Each structure stands twice: as C-alpha cells, then as structure tokens.
Amino acid sequence: MPKVQSDWSPTDIRVALLRAKVDQSWIARQCGISRSTVYKVIEGTTSSERVRRAIADAIEVDVRIIWPSIYVYAGGPRKRGRPWGAKNKRMKAAEN
C-alpha cells in the first residue's frame, strides 16, 4: 500500500518561501490581497485556490506536493457557492 503523504506544515511552507527569497507580502501584492489572507492560507484557517497556486509558483513546487490532502486525495478544491442539495434537485426536476 502506498504511503499517504501529509500536507506541508506552515513552518515548512515559510522555510521554502525564505529559501526562495519570497515573502508573504510579495505574494499578497501579486494576488491583490492582504498579507493576513496569505498568512491564513498558510496556516490553513482559510482556503484560496489562487493564493495556494501563487505560493506553489513562488517556491517552484507543485501545489499537489504542498497540499496533497486537497489536490490528490480529495480530487481538487471544492467548488465555490452553495452545495448541491435536495432542494436544488427538486427545483431542477420541476423545470424538466
């Protein structure tokens, strides 16, 4: 059975950013967001596909290696918006 990889820790991500000579402020400017949002994505308290990809590009590591729980094992980030529930299915059925 293959070994399940875990996500990088926030410290691992920050060390990789330091080695790449990139700081969180630079990523925030590139994405047009605040530094605190970048911090929250690194800490895992909020999610942002765009910020994750910017971090991965900055440290030149595939995003699937940094966050395998999202991009490998979960089939990718969740879609934005309201989940598709029973109410929406009934409405769709009524349209047909």
C-alpha atoms as a PDB file:
ATOM      1  CA  MET A   1       0.000   0.000   0.000  1.00  0.00           C
ATOM      2  CA  PRO A   2       1.459   3.413  -0.958  1.00  0.00           C
ATOM      3  CA  LYS A   3       2.383   5.795   1.803  1.00  0.00           C
ATOM      4  CA  VAL A   4      -0.091   8.624   2.298  1.00  0.00           C
ATOM      5  CA  GLN A   5       1.642  11.971   2.224  1.00  0.00           C
ATOM      6  CA  SER A   6       0.573  14.698   4.589  1.00  0.00           C
ATOM      7  CA  ASP A   7       0.305  18.396   3.866  1.00  0.00           C
ATOM      8  CA  TRP A   8       3.318  20.584   4.482  1.00  0.00           C
ATOM      9  CA  SER A   9       3.250  22.306   7.836  1.00  0.00           C
ATOM     10  CA  PRO A  10       3.022  26.119   7.908  1.00  0.00           C
ATOM     11  CA  THR A  11       6.653  26.176   9.058  1.00  0.00           C
ATOM     12  CA  ASP A  12       7.728  24.083   6.048  1.00  0.00           C
ATOM     13  CA  ILE A  13       5.955  26.488   3.704  1.00  0.00           C
ATOM     14  CA  ARG A  14       7.549  29.538   5.343  1.00  0.00           C
ATOM     15  CA  VAL A  15      11.019  27.952   5.189  1.00  0.00           C
ATOM     16  CA  ALA A  16      10.512  27.216   1.479  1.00  0.00           C
ATOM     17  CA  LEU A  17       9.438  30.826   0.921  1.00  0.00           C
ATOM     18  CA  LEU A  18      12.548  32.078   2.744  1.00  0.00           C
ATOM     19  CA  ARG A  19      14.786  29.829   0.656  1.00  0.00           C
ATOM     20  CA  ALA A  20      13.126  31.155  -2.497  1.00  0.00           C
ATOM     21  CA  LYS A  21      13.697  34.712  -1.192  1.00  0.00           C
ATOM     22  CA  VAL A  22       9.974  35.435  -1.377  1.00  0.00           C
ATOM     23  CA  ASP A  23       7.929  36.883   1.463  1.00  0.00           C
ATOM     24  CA  GLN A  24       4.230  36.785   2.155  1.00  0.00           C
ATOM     25  CA  SER A  25       3.919  40.471   1.275  1.00  0.00           C
ATOM     26  CA  TRP A  26       5.114  39.798  -2.257  1.00  0.00           C
ATOM     27  CA  ILE A  27       2.541  37.048  -2.726  1.00  0.00           C
ATOM     28  CA  ALA A  28      -0.156  39.338  -1.317  1.00  0.00           C
ATOM     29  CA  ARG A  29       0.782  42.073  -3.797  1.00  0.00           C
ATOM     30  CA  GLN A  30       0.771  39.599  -6.692  1.00  0.00           C
ATOM     31  CA  CYS A  31      -2.710  38.374  -5.763  1.00  0.00           C
ATOM     32  CA  GLY A  32      -4.067  41.779  -4.787  1.00  0.00           C
ATOM     33  CA  ILE A  33      -4.949  40.687  -1.266  1.00  0.00           C
ATOM     34  CA  SER A  34      -3.789  41.410   2.268  1.00  0.00           C
ATOM     35  CA  ARG A  35      -0.819  39.764   3.966  1.00  0.00           C
ATOM     36  CA  SER A  36      -3.144  38.390   6.611  1.00  0.00           C
ATOM     37  CA  THR A  37      -5.015  36.413   3.940  1.00  0.00           C
ATOM     38  CA  VAL A  38      -1.766  34.809   2.787  1.00  0.00           C
ATOM     39  CA  TYR A  39      -0.955  34.041   6.430  1.00  0.00           C
ATOM     40  CA  LYS A  40      -4.368  32.417   6.921  1.00  0.00           C
ATOM     41  CA  VAL A  41      -3.957  30.256   3.819  1.00  0.00           C
ATOM     42  CA  ILE A  42      -0.541  29.087   5.013  1.00  0.00           C
ATOM     43  CA  GLU A  43      -1.964  28.360   8.471  1.00  0.00           C
ATOM     44  CA  GLY A  44      -4.894  26.521   6.932  1.00  0.00           C
ATOM     45  CA  THR A  45      -7.580  28.649   8.577  1.00  0.00           C
ATOM     46  CA  THR A  46      -8.922  29.818   5.209  1.00  0.00           C
ATOM     47  CA  SER A  47      -8.688  28.454   1.704  1.00  0.00           C
ATOM     48  CA  SER A  48      -7.902  30.126  -1.573  1.00  0.00           C
ATOM     49  CA  GLU A  49      -7.032  28.304  -4.756  1.00  0.00           C
ATOM     50  CA  ARG A  50      -5.383  31.421  -6.183  1.00  0.00           C
ATOM     51  CA  VAL A  51      -3.150  32.003  -3.143  1.00  0.00           C
ATOM     52  CA  ARG A  52      -2.151  28.332  -2.916  1.00  0.00           C
ATOM     53  CA  ARG A  53      -1.129  28.373  -6.564  1.00  0.00           C
ATOM     54  CA  ALA A  54       0.808  31.645  -6.082  1.00  0.00           C
ATOM     55  CA  ILE A  55       2.698  30.125  -3.149  1.00  0.00           C
ATOM     56  CA  ALA A  56       3.471  26.976  -5.131  1.00  0.00           C
ATOM     57  CA  ASP A  57       4.672  29.014  -8.129  1.00  0.00           C
ATOM     58  CA  ALA A  58       6.845  31.209  -5.903  1.00  0.00           C
ATOM     59  CA  ILE A  59       8.663  28.251  -4.349  1.00  0.00           C
ATOM     60  CA  GLU A  60       8.616  26.290  -7.619  1.00  0.00           C
ATOM     61  CA  VAL A  61       6.922  23.231  -6.125  1.00  0.00           C
ATOM     62  CA  ASP A  62       3.800  21.567  -7.472  1.00  0.00           C
ATOM     63  CA  VAL A  63       0.722  22.514  -5.446  1.00  0.00           C
ATOM     64  CA  ARG A  64      -0.158  18.789  -5.181  1.00  0.00           C
ATOM     65  CA  ILE A  65       3.034  18.195  -3.216  1.00  0.00           C
ATOM     66  CA  ILE A  66       2.370  21.008  -0.737  1.00  0.00           C
ATOM     67  CA  TRP A  67      -1.331  20.220  -0.160  1.00  0.00           C
ATOM     68  CA  PRO A  68      -1.915  16.572  -1.182  1.00  0.00           C
ATOM     69  CA  SER A  69      -4.980  16.277   1.064  1.00  0.00           C
ATOM     70  CA  ILE A  70      -6.762  18.762  -1.201  1.00  0.00           C
ATOM     71  CA  TYR A  71      -5.318  18.194  -4.666  1.00  0.00           C
ATOM     72  CA  VAL A  72      -4.502  14.470  -4.616  1.00  0.00           C
ATOM     73  CA  TYR A  73      -6.753  12.697  -2.148  1.00  0.00           C
ATOM     74  CA  ALA A  74      -9.848  14.930  -2.265  1.00  0.00           C
ATOM     75  CA  GLY A  75      -9.938  15.361  -6.042  1.00  0.00           C
ATOM     76  CA  GLY A  76      -9.196  19.081  -6.010  1.00  0.00           C
ATOM     77  CA  PRO A  77     -10.525  22.112  -4.198  1.00  0.00           C
ATOM     78  CA  ARG A  78     -14.237  22.370  -3.528  1.00  0.00           C
ATOM     79  CA  LYS A  79     -16.337  24.449  -5.842  1.00  0.00           C
ATOM     80  CA  ARG A  80     -17.463  27.862  -4.672  1.00  0.00           C
ATOM     81  CA  GLY A  81     -21.053  28.545  -3.842  1.00  0.00           C
ATOM     82  CA  ARG A  82     -23.919  26.643  -2.358  1.00  0.00           C
ATOM     83  CA  PRO A  83     -23.669  22.847  -2.204  1.00  0.00           C
ATOM     84  CA  TRP A  84     -25.956  20.899  -4.479  1.00  0.00           C
ATOM     85  CA  GLY A  85     -28.671  19.645  -2.150  1.00  0.00           C
ATOM     86  CA  ALA A  86     -32.093  18.028  -2.238  1.00  0.00           C
ATOM     87  CA  LYS A  87     -33.879  21.374  -2.691  1.00  0.00           C
ATOM     88  CA  ASN A  88     -31.857  22.153  -5.817  1.00  0.00           C
ATOM     89  CA  LYS A  89     -32.538  18.670  -7.209  1.00  0.00           C
ATOM     90  CA  ARG A  90     -36.292  19.139  -6.728  1.00  0.00           C
ATOM     91  CA  MET A  91     -36.149  22.511  -8.457  1.00  0.00           C
ATOM     92  CA  LYS A  92     -34.194  21.047 -11.363  1.00  0.00           C
ATOM     93  CA  ALA A  93     -36.668  18.153 -11.678  1.00  0.00           C
ATOM     94  CA  ALA A  94     -39.601  20.602 -11.707  1.00  0.00           C
ATOM     95  CA  GLU A  95     -38.025  22.504 -14.614  1.00  0.00           C
ATOM     96  CA  ASN A  96     -37.950  19.386 -16.809  1.00  0.00           C
END
